[in-house]
PDB file of N, CA and C in Angstrom:
ATOM      1  N   MET A   1    -187.192 -14.018 226.224  1.00  0.00           N
ATOM      2  CA  MET A   1    -187.018 -15.261 225.518  1.00  0.00           C
ATOM      3  C   MET A   1    -185.816 -15.176 224.603  1.00  0.00           C
ATOM      4  N   THR A   2    -185.133 -16.247 224.538  1.00  0.00           N
ATOM      5  CA  THR A   2    -183.983 -16.272 223.645  1.00  0.00           C
ATOM      6  C   THR A   2    -184.446 -16.655 222.251  1.00  0.00           C
ATOM      7  N   THR A   3    -183.603 -16.386 221.319  1.00  0.00           N
ATOM      8  CA  THR A   3    -183.963 -16.704 219.925  1.00  0.00           C
ATOM      9  C   THR A   3    -184.044 -18.204 219.697  1.00  0.00           C
ATOM     10  N   LYS A   4    -183.286 -18.988 220.485  1.00  0.00           N
ATOM     11  CA  LYS A   4    -183.294 -20.432 220.325  1.00  0.00           C
ATOM     12  C   LYS A   4    -184.646 -21.029 220.733  1.00  0.00           C
ATOM     13  N   THR A   5    -185.215 -20.620 221.881  1.00  0.00           N
ATOM     14  CA  THR A   5    -186.515 -21.129 222.314  1.00  0.00           C
ATOM     15  C   THR A   5    -187.626 -20.603 221.425  1.00  0.00           C
ATOM     16  N   LEU A   6    -187.499 -19.384 220.967  1.00  0.00           N
ATOM     17  CA  LEU A   6    -188.501 -18.819 220.055  1.00  0.00           C
ATOM     18  C   LEU A   6    -188.515 -19.596 218.745  1.00  0.00           C
ATOM     19  N   LEU A   7    -187.356 -19.987 218.270  1.00  0.00           N
ATOM     20  CA  LEU A   7    -187.239 -20.758 217.040  1.00  0.00           C
ATOM     21  C   LEU A   7    -187.856 -22.152 217.212  1.00  0.00           C
ATOM     22  N   LYS A   8    -187.567 -22.806 218.340  1.00  0.00           N
ATOM     23  CA  LYS A   8    -188.140 -24.123 218.619  1.00  0.00           C
ATOM     24  C   LYS A   8    -189.658 -24.061 218.692  1.00  0.00           C
ATOM     25  N   THR A   9    -190.191 -23.059 219.351  1.00  0.00           N
ATOM     26  CA  THR A   9    -191.636 -22.902 219.482  1.00  0.00           C
ATOM     27  C   THR A   9    -192.293 -22.675 218.124  1.00  0.00           C
ATOM     28  N   SER A  10    -191.702 -21.831 217.309  1.00  0.00           N
ATOM     29  CA  SER A  10    -192.298 -21.549 215.996  1.00  0.00           C
ATOM     30  C   SER A  10    -192.223 -22.772 215.082  1.00  0.00           C
ATOM     31  N   ILE A  11    -191.142 -23.521 215.149  1.00  0.00           N
ATOM     32  CA  ILE A  11    -191.024 -24.733 214.322  1.00  0.00           C
ATOM     33  C   ILE A  11    -192.047 -25.782 214.766  1.00  0.00           C
ATOM     34  N   ALA A  12    -192.180 -25.984 216.071  1.00  0.00           N
ATOM     35  CA  ALA A  12    -193.138 -26.967 216.587  1.00  0.00           C
ATOM     36  C   ALA A  12    -194.564 -26.598 216.215  1.00  0.00           C
ATOM     37  N   SER A  13    -194.907 -25.315 216.352  1.00  0.00           N
ATOM     38  CA  SER A  13    -196.275 -24.902 216.022  1.00  0.00           C
ATOM     39  C   SER A  13    -196.543 -25.009 214.527  1.00  0.00           C
ATOM     40  N   SER A  14    -195.542 -24.741 213.693  1.00  0.00           N
ATOM     41  CA  SER A  14    -195.753 -24.856 212.242  1.00  0.00           C
ATOM     42  C   SER A  14    -195.895 -26.321 211.828  1.00  0.00           C
ATOM     43  N   LEU A  15    -195.164 -27.228 212.474  1.00  0.00           N
ATOM     44  CA  LEU A  15    -195.323 -28.655 212.189  1.00  0.00           C
ATOM     45  C   LEU A  15    -196.708 -29.150 212.583  1.00  0.00           C
ATOM     46  N   VAL A  16    -197.190 -28.730 213.743  1.00  0.00           N
ATOM     47  CA  VAL A  16    -198.526 -29.121 214.183  1.00  0.00           C
ATOM     48  C   VAL A  16    -199.581 -28.593 213.222  1.00  0.00           C
ATOM     49  N   ALA A  17    -199.420 -27.348 212.778  1.00  0.00           N
ATOM     50  CA  ALA A  17    -200.374 -26.760 211.826  1.00  0.00           C
ATOM     51  C   ALA A  17    -200.361 -27.509 210.501  1.00  0.00           C
ATOM     52  N   ALA A  18    -199.186 -27.902 210.034  1.00  0.00           N
ATOM     53  CA  ALA A  18    -199.088 -28.636 208.765  1.00  0.00           C
ATOM     54  C   ALA A  18    -199.738 -30.011 208.883  1.00  0.00           C
ATOM     55  N   LEU A  19    -199.488 -30.720 209.987  1.00  0.00           N
ATOM     56  CA  LEU A  19    -200.101 -32.034 210.184  1.00  0.00           C
ATOM     57  C   LEU A  19    -201.613 -31.934 210.303  1.00  0.00           C
ATOM     58  N   LEU A  20    -202.084 -30.911 210.967  1.00  0.00           N
ATOM     59  CA  LEU A  20    -203.526 -30.704 211.098  1.00  0.00           C
ATOM     60  C   LEU A  20    -204.160 -30.429 209.738  1.00  0.00           C
ATOM     61  N   ALA A  21    -203.491 -29.651 208.912  1.00  0.00           N
ATOM     62  CA  ALA A  21    -204.012 -29.349 207.577  1.00  0.00           C
ATOM     63  C   ALA A  21    -204.075 -30.602 206.715  1.00  0.00           C
ATOM     64  N   VAL A  22    -203.061 -31.442 206.781  1.00  0.00           N
ATOM     65  CA  VAL A  22    -203.039 -32.673 205.989  1.00  0.00           C
ATOM     66  C   VAL A  22    -204.126 -33.625 206.467  1.00  0.00           C
ATOM     67  N   THR A  23    -204.266 -33.770 207.783  1.00  0.00           N
ATOM     68  CA  THR A  23    -205.288 -34.661 208.338  1.00  0.00           C
ATOM     69  C   THR A  23    -206.684 -34.187 207.963  1.00  0.00           C
ATOM     70  N   THR A  24    -206.940 -32.918 208.059  1.00  0.00           N
ATOM     71  CA  THR A  24    -208.250 -32.371 207.705  1.00  0.00           C
ATOM     72  C   THR A  24    -208.527 -32.570 206.220  1.00  0.00           C
ATOM     73  N   GLY A  25    -207.532 -32.372 205.399  1.00  0.00           N
ATOM     74  CA  GLY A  25    -207.701 -32.547 203.959  1.00  0.00           C
ATOM     75  C   GLY A  25    -208.033 -33.974 203.595  1.00  0.00           C
ATOM     76  N   CYS A  26    -207.407 -34.943 204.251  1.00  0.00           N
ATOM     77  CA  CYS A  26    -207.676 -36.351 203.958  1.00  0.00           C
ATOM     78  C   CYS A  26    -209.069 -36.761 204.405  1.00  0.00           C
ATOM     79  N   ALA A  27    -209.501 -36.257 205.537  1.00  0.00           N
ATOM     80  CA  ALA A  27    -210.800 -36.663 206.082  1.00  0.00           C
ATOM     81  C   ALA A  27    -211.959 -36.015 205.352  1.00  0.00           C
ATOM     82  N   THR A  28    -211.737 -34.897 204.687  1.00  0.00           N
ATOM     83  CA  THR A  28    -212.840 -34.210 204.017  1.00  0.00           C
ATOM     84  C   THR A  28    -212.812 -34.380 202.507  1.00  0.00           C
ATOM     85  N   THR A  29    -212.013 -35.292 202.006  1.00  0.00           N
ATOM     86  CA  THR A  29    -211.940 -35.538 200.577  1.00  0.00           C
ATOM     87  C   THR A  29    -213.255 -36.132 200.083  1.00  0.00           C
ATOM     88  N   PRO A  30    -213.816 -35.614 198.962  1.00  0.00           N
ATOM     89  CA  PRO A  30    -215.063 -36.177 198.438  1.00  0.00           C
ATOM     90  C   PRO A  30    -214.875 -37.646 198.062  1.00  0.00           C
ATOM     91  N   GLY A  31    -215.852 -38.477 198.423  1.00  0.00           N
ATOM     92  CA  GLY A  31    -215.785 -39.890 198.118  1.00  0.00           C
ATOM     93  C   GLY A  31    -215.082 -40.699 199.180  1.00  0.00           C
ATOM     94  N   TYR A  32    -214.563 -40.039 200.211  1.00  0.00           N
ATOM     95  CA  TYR A  32    -213.851 -40.751 201.272  1.00  0.00           C
ATOM     96  C   TYR A  32    -214.842 -41.321 202.259  1.00  0.00           C
ATOM     97  N   ASN A  33    -214.704 -42.590 202.562  1.00  0.00           N
ATOM     98  CA  ASN A  33    -215.559 -43.258 203.542  1.00  0.00           C
ATOM     99  C   ASN A  33    -214.644 -44.039 204.470  1.00  0.00           C
ATOM    100  N   ALA A  34    -214.585 -43.641 205.728  1.00  0.00           N
ATOM    101  CA  ALA A  34    -213.663 -44.268 206.669  1.00  0.00           C
ATOM    102  C   ALA A  34    -214.012 -45.726 206.928  1.00  0.00           C
ATOM    103  N   TYR A  35    -215.271 -46.112 206.727  1.00  0.00           N
ATOM    104  CA  TYR A  35    -215.705 -47.467 207.044  1.00  0.00           C
ATOM    105  C   TYR A  35    -215.893 -48.339 205.821  1.00  0.00           C
ATOM    106  N   GLY A  36    -215.504 -47.893 204.693  1.00  0.00           N
ATOM    107  CA  GLY A  36    -215.693 -48.694 203.493  1.00  0.00           C
ATOM    108  C   GLY A  36    -214.572 -48.460 202.505  1.00  0.00           C
ATOM    109  N   ASP A  37    -214.843 -48.776 201.292  1.00  0.00           N
ATOM    110  CA  ASP A  37    -213.861 -48.650 200.238  1.00  0.00           C
ATOM    111  C   ASP A  37    -213.846 -47.219 199.740  1.00  0.00           C
ATOM    112  N   ILE A  38    -212.707 -46.559 199.768  1.00  0.00           N
ATOM    113  CA  ILE A  38    -212.664 -45.154 199.357  1.00  0.00           C
ATOM    114  C   ILE A  38    -212.857 -45.000 197.856  1.00  0.00           C
ATOM    115  N   TYR A  39    -212.692 -46.064 197.119  1.00  0.00           N
ATOM    116  CA  TYR A  39    -212.884 -45.992 195.682  1.00  0.00           C
ATOM    117  C   TYR A  39    -214.191 -46.636 195.249  1.00  0.00           C
ATOM    118  N   GLU A  40    -215.098 -46.868 196.183  1.00  0.00           N
ATOM    119  CA  GLU A  40    -216.344 -47.565 195.890  1.00  0.00           C
ATOM    120  C   GLU A  40    -217.149 -46.859 194.800  1.00  0.00           C
ATOM    121  N   ASP A  41    -217.246 -45.535 194.872  1.00  0.00           N
ATOM    122  CA  ASP A  41    -218.020 -44.816 193.877  1.00  0.00           C
ATOM    123  C   ASP A  41    -217.396 -44.921 192.489  1.00  0.00           C
ATOM    124  N   VAL A  42    -216.088 -45.064 192.394  1.00  0.00           N
ATOM    125  CA  VAL A  42    -215.424 -45.217 191.104  1.00  0.00           C
ATOM    126  C   VAL A  42    -215.711 -46.602 190.534  1.00  0.00           C
ATOM    127  N   TYR A  43    -215.639 -47.638 191.379  1.00  0.00           N
ATOM    128  CA  TYR A  43    -215.858 -49.002 190.917  1.00  0.00           C
ATOM    129  C   TYR A  43    -217.290 -49.226 190.439  1.00  0.00           C
ATOM    130  N   LYS A  44    -218.259 -48.663 191.133  1.00  0.00           N
ATOM    131  CA  LYS A  44    -219.653 -48.931 190.784  1.00  0.00           C
ATOM    132  C   LYS A  44    -220.028 -48.354 189.430  1.00  0.00           C
ATOM    133  N   ASP A  45    -219.290 -47.378 188.946  1.00  0.00           N
ATOM    134  CA  ASP A  45    -219.563 -46.809 187.636  1.00  0.00           C
ATOM    135  C   ASP A  45    -218.849 -47.556 186.521  1.00  0.00           C
ATOM    136  N   SER A  46    -217.913 -48.405 186.871  1.00  0.00           N
ATOM    137  CA  SER A  46    -217.116 -49.072 185.847  1.00  0.00           C
ATOM    138  C   SER A  46    -217.888 -50.235 185.220  1.00  0.00           C
ATOM    139  N   SER A  47    -217.507 -50.565 184.019  1.00  0.00           N
ATOM    140  CA  SER A  47    -218.158 -51.682 183.323  1.00  0.00           C
ATOM    141  C   SER A  47    -217.788 -53.011 183.967  1.00  0.00           C
ATOM    142  N   LEU A  48    -216.603 -53.084 184.579  1.00  0.00           N
ATOM    143  CA  LEU A  48    -216.180 -54.309 185.241  1.00  0.00           C
ATOM    144  C   LEU A  48    -217.106 -54.628 186.417  1.00  0.00           C
ATOM    145  N   TYR A  49    -217.460 -53.598 187.210  1.00  0.00           N
ATOM    146  CA  TYR A  49    -218.372 -53.817 188.332  1.00  0.00           C
ATOM    147  C   TYR A  49    -219.742 -54.269 187.834  1.00  0.00           C
ATOM    148  N   LYS A  50    -220.238 -53.613 186.808  1.00  0.00           N
ATOM    149  CA  LYS A  50    -221.558 -53.957 186.275  1.00  0.00           C
ATOM    150  C   LYS A  50    -221.577 -55.381 185.723  1.00  0.00           C
ATOM    151  N   LYS A  51    -220.460 -55.804 185.135  1.00  0.00           N
ATOM    152  CA  LYS A  51    -220.372 -57.147 184.572  1.00  0.00           C
ATOM    153  C   LYS A  51    -220.396 -58.210 185.669  1.00  0.00           C
ATOM    154  N   HIS A  52    -219.749 -57.934 186.807  1.00  0.00           N
ATOM    155  CA  HIS A  52    -219.613 -58.919 187.874  1.00  0.00           C
ATOM    156  C   HIS A  52    -220.440 -58.579 189.111  1.00  0.00           C
ATOM    157  N   LYS A  53    -221.478 -57.790 188.945  1.00  0.00           N
ATOM    158  CA  LYS A  53    -222.301 -57.334 190.069  1.00  0.00           C
ATOM    159  C   LYS A  53    -222.895 -58.507 190.854  1.00  0.00           C
ATOM    160  N   LYS A  54    -223.413 -59.508 190.152  1.00  0.00           N
ATOM    161  CA  LYS A  54    -224.032 -60.661 190.808  1.00  0.00           C
ATOM    162  C   LYS A  54    -223.002 -61.438 191.626  1.00  0.00           C
ATOM    163  N   THR A  55    -221.824 -61.618 191.092  1.00  0.00           N
ATOM    164  CA  THR A  55    -220.759 -62.339 191.794  1.00  0.00           C
ATOM    165  C   THR A  55    -220.323 -61.587 193.044  1.00  0.00           C
ATOM    166  N   ILE A  56    -220.184 -60.278 192.937  1.00  0.00           N
ATOM    167  CA  ILE A  56    -219.765 -59.460 194.080  1.00  0.00           C
ATOM    168  C   ILE A  56    -220.801 -59.535 195.193  1.00  0.00           C
ATOM    169  N   LYS A  57    -222.080 -59.468 194.838  1.00  0.00           N
ATOM    170  CA  LYS A  57    -223.134 -59.541 195.858  1.00  0.00           C
ATOM    171  C   LYS A  57    -223.178 -60.916 196.515  1.00  0.00           C
ATOM    172  N   SER A  58    -222.955 -61.988 195.760  1.00  0.00           N
ATOM    173  CA  SER A  58    -222.973 -63.320 196.355  1.00  0.00           C
ATOM    174  C   SER A  58    -221.775 -63.520 197.284  1.00  0.00           C
ATOM    175  N   ILE A  59    -220.630 -62.956 196.930  1.00  0.00           N
ATOM    176  CA  ILE A  59    -219.461 -63.031 197.806  1.00  0.00           C
ATOM    177  C   ILE A  59    -219.735 -62.264 199.090  1.00  0.00           C
ATOM    178  N   ASP A  60    -220.353 -61.097 198.961  1.00  0.00           N
ATOM    179  CA  ASP A  60    -220.735 -60.289 200.119  1.00  0.00           C
ATOM    180  C   ASP A  60    -221.630 -61.092 201.053  1.00  0.00           C
ATOM    181  N   LYS A  61    -222.598 -61.789 200.475  1.00  0.00           N
ATOM    182  CA  LYS A  61    -223.531 -62.595 201.268  1.00  0.00           C
ATOM    183  C   LYS A  61    -222.804 -63.748 201.953  1.00  0.00           C
ATOM    184  N   ASP A  62    -221.914 -64.402 201.219  1.00  0.00           N
ATOM    185  CA  ASP A  62    -221.175 -65.540 201.769  1.00  0.00           C
ATOM    186  C   ASP A  62    -220.254 -65.129 202.906  1.00  0.00           C
ATOM    187  N   ILE A  63    -219.750 -63.912 202.877  1.00  0.00           N
ATOM    188  CA  ILE A  63    -218.815 -63.468 203.907  1.00  0.00           C
ATOM    189  C   ILE A  63    -219.537 -63.011 205.172  1.00  0.00           C
ATOM    190  N   TYR A  64    -220.544 -62.154 205.030  1.00  0.00           N
ATOM    191  CA  TYR A  64    -221.147 -61.507 206.193  1.00  0.00           C
ATOM    192  C   TYR A  64    -222.293 -62.283 206.827  1.00  0.00           C
ATOM    193  N   GLN A  65    -223.103 -62.954 206.043  1.00  0.00           N
ATOM    194  CA  GLN A  65    -224.278 -63.634 206.591  1.00  0.00           C
ATOM    195  C   GLN A  65    -223.923 -64.709 207.613  1.00  0.00           C
ATOM    196  N   PRO A  66    -222.950 -65.578 207.371  1.00  0.00           N
ATOM    197  CA  PRO A  66    -222.614 -66.576 208.392  1.00  0.00           C
ATOM    198  C   PRO A  66    -222.121 -65.959 209.703  1.00  0.00           C
ATOM    199  N   ALA A  67    -221.406 -64.862 209.623  1.00  0.00           N
ATOM    200  CA  ALA A  67    -220.915 -64.214 210.839  1.00  0.00           C
ATOM    201  C   ALA A  67    -222.065 -63.638 211.654  1.00  0.00           C
ATOM    202  N   ILE A  68    -223.050 -63.055 210.981  1.00  0.00           N
ATOM    203  CA  ILE A  68    -224.220 -62.498 211.655  1.00  0.00           C
ATOM    204  C   ILE A  68    -225.030 -63.616 212.295  1.00  0.00           C
ATOM    205  N   GLU A  69    -225.243 -64.697 211.556  1.00  0.00           N
ATOM    206  CA  GLU A  69    -226.010 -65.830 212.084  1.00  0.00           C
ATOM    207  C   GLU A  69    -225.295 -66.484 213.265  1.00  0.00           C
ATOM    208  N   GLN A  70    -223.972 -66.577 213.206  1.00  0.00           N
ATOM    209  CA  GLN A  70    -223.216 -67.176 214.307  1.00  0.00           C
ATOM    210  C   GLN A  70    -223.284 -66.316 215.564  1.00  0.00           C
ATOM    211  N   ALA A  71    -223.209 -65.005 215.407  1.00  0.00           N
ATOM    212  CA  ALA A  71    -223.312 -64.114 216.565  1.00  0.00           C
ATOM    213  C   ALA A  71    -224.687 -64.215 217.207  1.00  0.00           C
ATOM    214  N   ALA A  72    -225.734 -64.329 216.379  1.00  0.00           N
ATOM    215  CA  ALA A  72    -227.096 -64.482 216.905  1.00  0.00           C
ATOM    216  C   ALA A  72    -227.242 -65.822 217.626  1.00  0.00           C
ATOM    217  N   ALA A  73    -226.683 -66.881 217.073  1.00  0.00           N
ATOM    218  CA  ALA A  73    -226.751 -68.199 217.710  1.00  0.00           C
ATOM    219  C   ALA A  73    -226.018 -68.190 219.048  1.00  0.00           C
ATOM    220  N   ASN A  74    -224.884 -67.517 219.115  1.00  0.00           N
ATOM    221  CA  ASN A  74    -224.144 -67.409 220.373  1.00  0.00           C
ATOM    222  C   ASN A  74    -224.949 -66.657 221.426  1.00  0.00           C
ATOM    223  N   LYS A  75    -225.636 -65.609 221.013  1.00  0.00           N
ATOM    224  CA  LYS A  75    -226.459 -64.826 221.949  1.00  0.00           C
ATOM    225  C   LYS A  75    -227.576 -65.695 222.530  1.00  0.00           C
ATOM    226  N   VAL A  76    -228.289 -66.435 221.673  1.00  0.00           N
ATOM    227  CA  VAL A  76    -229.400 -67.278 222.123  1.00  0.00           C
ATOM    228  C   VAL A  76    -228.875 -68.446 222.965  1.00  0.00           C
ATOM    229  N   SER A  77    -227.744 -69.012 222.596  1.00  0.00           N
ATOM    230  CA  SER A  77    -227.158 -70.100 223.387  1.00  0.00           C
ATOM    231  C   SER A  77    -226.785 -69.616 224.784  1.00  0.00           C
ATOM    232  N   SER A  78    -226.292 -68.392 224.880  1.00  0.00           N
ATOM    233  CA  SER A  78    -225.925 -67.863 226.192  1.00  0.00           C
ATOM    234  C   SER A  78    -227.156 -67.599 227.065  1.00  0.00           C
ATOM    235  N   MET A  79    -228.335 -67.539 226.443  1.00  0.00           N
ATOM    236  CA  MET A  79    -229.580 -67.364 227.194  1.00  0.00           C
ATOM    237  C   MET A  79    -230.122 -68.710 227.682  1.00  0.00           C
ATOM    238  N   GLY A  80    -229.470 -69.817 227.318  1.00  0.00           N
ATOM    239  CA  GLY A  80    -229.874 -71.128 227.806  1.00  0.00           C
ATOM    240  C   GLY A  80    -230.684 -71.950 226.823  1.00  0.00           C
ATOM    241  N   TYR A  81    -230.757 -71.539 225.583  1.00  0.00           N
ATOM    242  CA  TYR A  81    -231.494 -72.271 224.549  1.00  0.00           C
ATOM    243  C   TYR A  81    -230.520 -73.090 223.721  1.00  0.00           C
ATOM    244  N   ARG A  82    -231.048 -74.156 223.108  1.00  0.00           N
ATOM    245  CA  ARG A  82    -230.277 -74.931 222.142  1.00  0.00           C
ATOM    246  C   ARG A  82    -230.767 -74.534 220.760  1.00  0.00           C
ATOM    247  N   VAL A  83    -229.919 -73.961 219.981  1.00  0.00           N
ATOM    248  CA  VAL A  83    -230.288 -73.398 218.678  1.00  0.00           C
ATOM    249  C   VAL A  83    -230.442 -74.510 217.648  1.00  0.00           C
ATOM    250  N   LYS A  84    -231.569 -74.469 216.924  1.00  0.00           N
ATOM    251  CA  LYS A  84    -231.824 -75.425 215.855  1.00  0.00           C
ATOM    252  C   LYS A  84    -231.592 -74.806 214.478  1.00  0.00           C
ATOM    253  N   ASP A  85    -232.094 -73.574 214.281  1.00  0.00           N
ATOM    254  CA  ASP A  85    -232.008 -72.947 212.966  1.00  0.00           C
ATOM    255  C   ASP A  85    -231.945 -71.429 213.129  1.00  0.00           C
ATOM    256  N   VAL A  86    -231.140 -70.782 212.278  1.00  0.00           N
ATOM    257  CA  VAL A  86    -231.022 -69.320 212.275  1.00  0.00           C
ATOM    258  C   VAL A  86    -231.252 -68.846 210.852  1.00  0.00           C
ATOM    259  N   LYS A  87    -232.107 -67.824 210.702  1.00  0.00           N
ATOM    260  CA  LYS A  87    -232.382 -67.269 209.375  1.00  0.00           C
ATOM    261  C   LYS A  87    -232.217 -65.758 209.426  1.00  0.00           C
ATOM    262  N   TYR A  88    -231.373 -65.258 208.521  1.00  0.00           N
ATOM    263  CA  TYR A  88    -231.184 -63.822 208.360  1.00  0.00           C
ATOM    264  C   TYR A  88    -231.090 -63.516 206.884  1.00  0.00           C
ATOM    265  N   LYS A  89    -231.858 -62.535 206.449  1.00  0.00           N
ATOM    266  CA  LYS A  89    -231.815 -62.105 205.058  1.00  0.00           C
ATOM    267  C   LYS A  89    -231.264 -60.690 205.037  1.00  0.00           C
ATOM    268  N   LYS A  90    -230.294 -60.429 204.183  1.00  0.00           N
ATOM    269  CA  LYS A  90    -229.654 -59.123 204.138  1.00  0.00           C
ATOM    270  C   LYS A  90    -230.695 -58.036 203.906  1.00  0.00           C
ATOM    271  N   GLY A  91    -230.613 -57.000 204.718  1.00  0.00           N
ATOM    272  CA  GLY A  91    -231.556 -55.892 204.620  1.00  0.00           C
ATOM    273  C   GLY A  91    -232.647 -55.954 205.668  1.00  0.00           C
ATOM    274  N   ASP A  92    -232.877 -57.126 206.246  1.00  0.00           N
ATOM    275  CA  ASP A  92    -233.881 -57.243 207.315  1.00  0.00           C
ATOM    276  C   ASP A  92    -233.328 -56.662 208.600  1.00  0.00           C
ATOM    277  N   ARG A  93    -234.215 -56.201 209.448  1.00  0.00           N
ATOM    278  CA  ARG A  93    -233.812 -55.681 210.746  1.00  0.00           C
ATOM    279  C   ARG A  93    -233.992 -56.730 211.841  1.00  0.00           C
ATOM    280  N   THR A  94    -234.395 -57.942 211.467  1.00  0.00           N
ATOM    281  CA  THR A  94    -234.585 -59.003 212.461  1.00  0.00           C
ATOM    282  C   THR A  94    -233.893 -60.288 212.018  1.00  0.00           C
ATOM    283  N   ILE A  95    -233.511 -61.074 213.018  1.00  0.00           N
ATOM    284  CA  ILE A  95    -232.939 -62.387 212.799  1.00  0.00           C
ATOM    285  C   ILE A  95    -233.888 -63.382 213.451  1.00  0.00           C
ATOM    286  N   LYS A  96    -234.348 -64.361 212.692  1.00  0.00           N
ATOM    287  CA  LYS A  96    -235.306 -65.339 213.204  1.00  0.00           C
ATOM    288  C   LYS A  96    -234.565 -66.616 213.590  1.00  0.00           C
ATOM    289  N   ILE A  97    -234.845 -67.090 214.808  1.00  0.00           N
ATOM    290  CA  ILE A  97    -234.146 -68.251 215.331  1.00  0.00           C
ATOM    291  C   ILE A  97    -235.147 -69.251 215.867  1.00  0.00           C
ATOM    292  N   LYS A  98    -234.956 -70.527 215.533  1.00  0.00           N
ATOM    293  CA  LYS A  98    -235.721 -71.615 216.134  1.00  0.00           C
ATOM    294  C   LYS A  98    -234.814 -72.269 217.152  1.00  0.00           C
ATOM    295  N   ALA A  99    -235.328 -72.415 218.378  1.00  0.00           N
ATOM    296  CA  ALA A  99    -234.503 -72.958 219.460  1.00  0.00           C
ATOM    297  C   ALA A  99    -235.327 -73.860 220.359  1.00  0.00           C
ATOM    298  N   GLU A 100    -234.637 -74.587 221.227  1.00  0.00           N
ATOM    299  CA  GLU A 100    -235.297 -75.514 222.139  1.00  0.00           C
ATOM    300  C   GLU A 100    -234.758 -75.280 223.550  1.00  0.00           C
ATOM    301  N   ARG A 101    -235.670 -75.415 224.519  1.00  0.00           N
ATOM    302  CA  ARG A 101    -235.296 -75.301 225.925  1.00  0.00           C
ATOM    303  C   ARG A 101    -236.266 -76.142 226.742  1.00  0.00           C
ATOM    304  N   ASN A 102    -235.766 -77.063 227.540  1.00  0.00           N
ATOM    305  CA  ASN A 102    -236.597 -77.960 228.362  1.00  0.00           C
ATOM    306  C   ASN A 102    -237.651 -78.686 227.523  1.00  0.00           C
ATOM    307  N   ARG A 103    -237.245 -79.216 226.398  1.00  0.00           N
ATOM    308  CA  ARG A 103    -238.114 -79.948 225.459  1.00  0.00           C
ATOM    309  C   ARG A 103    -239.260 -79.105 224.896  1.00  0.00           C
ATOM    310  N   GLN A 104    -239.154 -77.811 224.981  1.00  0.00           N
ATOM    311  CA  GLN A 104    -240.132 -76.887 224.394  1.00  0.00           C
ATOM    312  C   GLN A 104    -239.460 -76.174 223.224  1.00  0.00           C
ATOM    313  N   ASN A 105    -240.188 -76.039 222.142  1.00  0.00           N
ATOM    314  CA  ASN A 105    -239.666 -75.317 220.984  1.00  0.00           C
ATOM    315  C   ASN A 105    -240.068 -73.852 221.062  1.00  0.00           C
ATOM    316  N   TYR A 106    -239.156 -72.973 220.666  1.00  0.00           N
ATOM    317  CA  TYR A 106    -239.401 -71.536 220.713  1.00  0.00           C
ATOM    318  C   TYR A 106    -238.984 -70.903 219.391  1.00  0.00           C
ATOM    319  N   LYS A 107    -239.662 -69.799 219.056  1.00  0.00           N
ATOM    320  CA  LYS A 107    -239.258 -68.940 217.949  1.00  0.00           C
ATOM    321  C   LYS A 107    -238.815 -67.620 218.570  1.00  0.00           C
ATOM    322  N   ILE A 108    -237.589 -67.254 218.303  1.00  0.00           N
ATOM    323  CA  ILE A 108    -237.003 -66.057 218.899  1.00  0.00           C
ATOM    324  C   ILE A 108    -236.636 -65.087 217.781  1.00  0.00           C
ATOM    325  N   GLU A 109    -236.945 -63.816 217.993  1.00  0.00           N
ATOM    326  CA  GLU A 109    -236.551 -62.779 217.045  1.00  0.00           C
ATOM    327  C   GLU A 109    -235.571 -61.843 217.732  1.00  0.00           C
ATOM    328  N   LEU A 110    -234.438 -61.630 217.080  1.00  0.00           N
ATOM    329  CA  LEU A 110    -233.438 -60.695 217.570  1.00  0.00           C
ATOM    330  C   LEU A 110    -233.358 -59.521 216.610  1.00  0.00           C
ATOM    331  N   GLY A 111    -233.110 -58.348 217.148  1.00  0.00           N
ATOM    332  CA  GLY A 111    -232.914 -57.168 216.314  1.00  0.00           C
ATOM    333  C   GLY A 111    -231.507 -57.156 215.751  1.00  0.00           C
ATOM    334  N   TYR A 112    -231.388 -56.606 214.562  1.00  0.00           N
ATOM    335  CA  TYR A 112    -230.066 -56.474 213.974  1.00  0.00           C
ATOM    336  C   TYR A 112    -229.800 -55.003 213.747  1.00  0.00           C
ATOM    337  N   PRO A 113    -228.701 -54.452 214.087  1.00  0.00           N
ATOM    338  CA  PRO A 113    -227.391 -55.010 214.370  1.00  0.00           C
ATOM    339  C   PRO A 113    -227.055 -55.146 215.853  1.00  0.00           C
ATOM    340  N   ASN A 114    -227.958 -54.829 216.771  1.00  0.00           N
ATOM    341  CA  ASN A 114    -227.603 -54.852 218.192  1.00  0.00           C
ATOM    342  C   ASN A 114    -227.913 -56.173 218.887  1.00  0.00           C
ATOM    343  N   TYR A 115    -228.598 -57.111 218.230  1.00  0.00           N
ATOM    344  CA  TYR A 115    -228.918 -58.437 218.757  1.00  0.00           C
ATOM    345  C   TYR A 115    -229.756 -58.377 220.027  1.00  0.00           C
ATOM    346  N   ASN A 116    -230.603 -57.371 220.163  1.00  0.00           N
ATOM    347  CA  ASN A 116    -231.543 -57.324 221.296  1.00  0.00           C
ATOM    348  C   ASN A 116    -232.716 -58.247 221.025  1.00  0.00           C
ATOM    349  N   VAL A 117    -233.256 -58.861 222.080  1.00  0.00           N
ATOM    350  CA  VAL A 117    -234.395 -59.763 221.939  1.00  0.00           C
ATOM    351  C   VAL A 117    -235.644 -58.932 221.678  1.00  0.00           C
ATOM    352  N   ILE A 118    -236.337 -59.233 220.583  1.00  0.00           N
ATOM    353  CA  ILE A 118    -237.571 -58.540 220.237  1.00  0.00           C
ATOM    354  C   ILE A 118    -238.771 -59.353 220.699  1.00  0.00           C
ATOM    355  N   ASN A 119    -238.732 -60.656 220.431  1.00  0.00           N
ATOM    356  CA  ASN A 119    -239.888 -61.483 220.706  1.00  0.00           C
ATOM    357  C   ASN A 119    -239.443 -62.923 220.956  1.00  0.00           C
ATOM    358  N   ILE A 120    -240.112 -63.559 221.946  1.00  0.00           N
ATOM    359  CA  ILE A 120    -239.910 -65.001 222.189  1.00  0.00           C
ATOM    360  C   ILE A 120    -241.283 -65.624 222.230  1.00  0.00           C
ATOM    361  N   LYS A 121    -241.545 -66.559 221.307  1.00  0.00           N
ATOM    362  CA  LYS A 121    -242.834 -67.261 221.256  1.00  0.00           C
ATOM    363  C   LYS A 121    -242.618 -68.749 221.405  1.00  0.00           C
ATOM    364  N   GLU A 122    -243.539 -69.390 222.126  1.00  0.00           N
ATOM    365  CA  GLU A 122    -243.500 -70.841 222.230  1.00  0.00           C
ATOM    366  C   GLU A 122    -244.075 -71.399 220.941  1.00  0.00           C
ATOM    367  N   ASP A 123    -243.397 -72.370 220.364  1.00  0.00           N
ATOM    368  CA  ASP A 123    -243.819 -72.911 219.074  1.00  0.00           C
ATOM    369  C   ASP A 123    -244.620 -74.178 219.278  1.00  0.00           C
TER     370      ASP A 123
END
């Protein structure tokens, strides 16, 4: 091997090792959450969060609940029902839906978060 190829190989391997070390360090940092706010634990301890806790929770409800209810309504509509009412309460594992099909009323329960049908009852 020539010194030029040996130099290229050592530089490339050292760059890969450095990038791997940085990536590992970022992913294992305490308080890091890839799916949420990385500073969430800092905010929840602050007086500002405690002061506006009710407002933050209501905004959370206003943002996510309609999207969950709409996805459930789309699922039931694709099954051939006409959706009348959808009810989901944060923290529940079920979504309750009132629907109609062939002039018959039904109560349908879907599981959350996978939207699988749990129960269909004639109302």
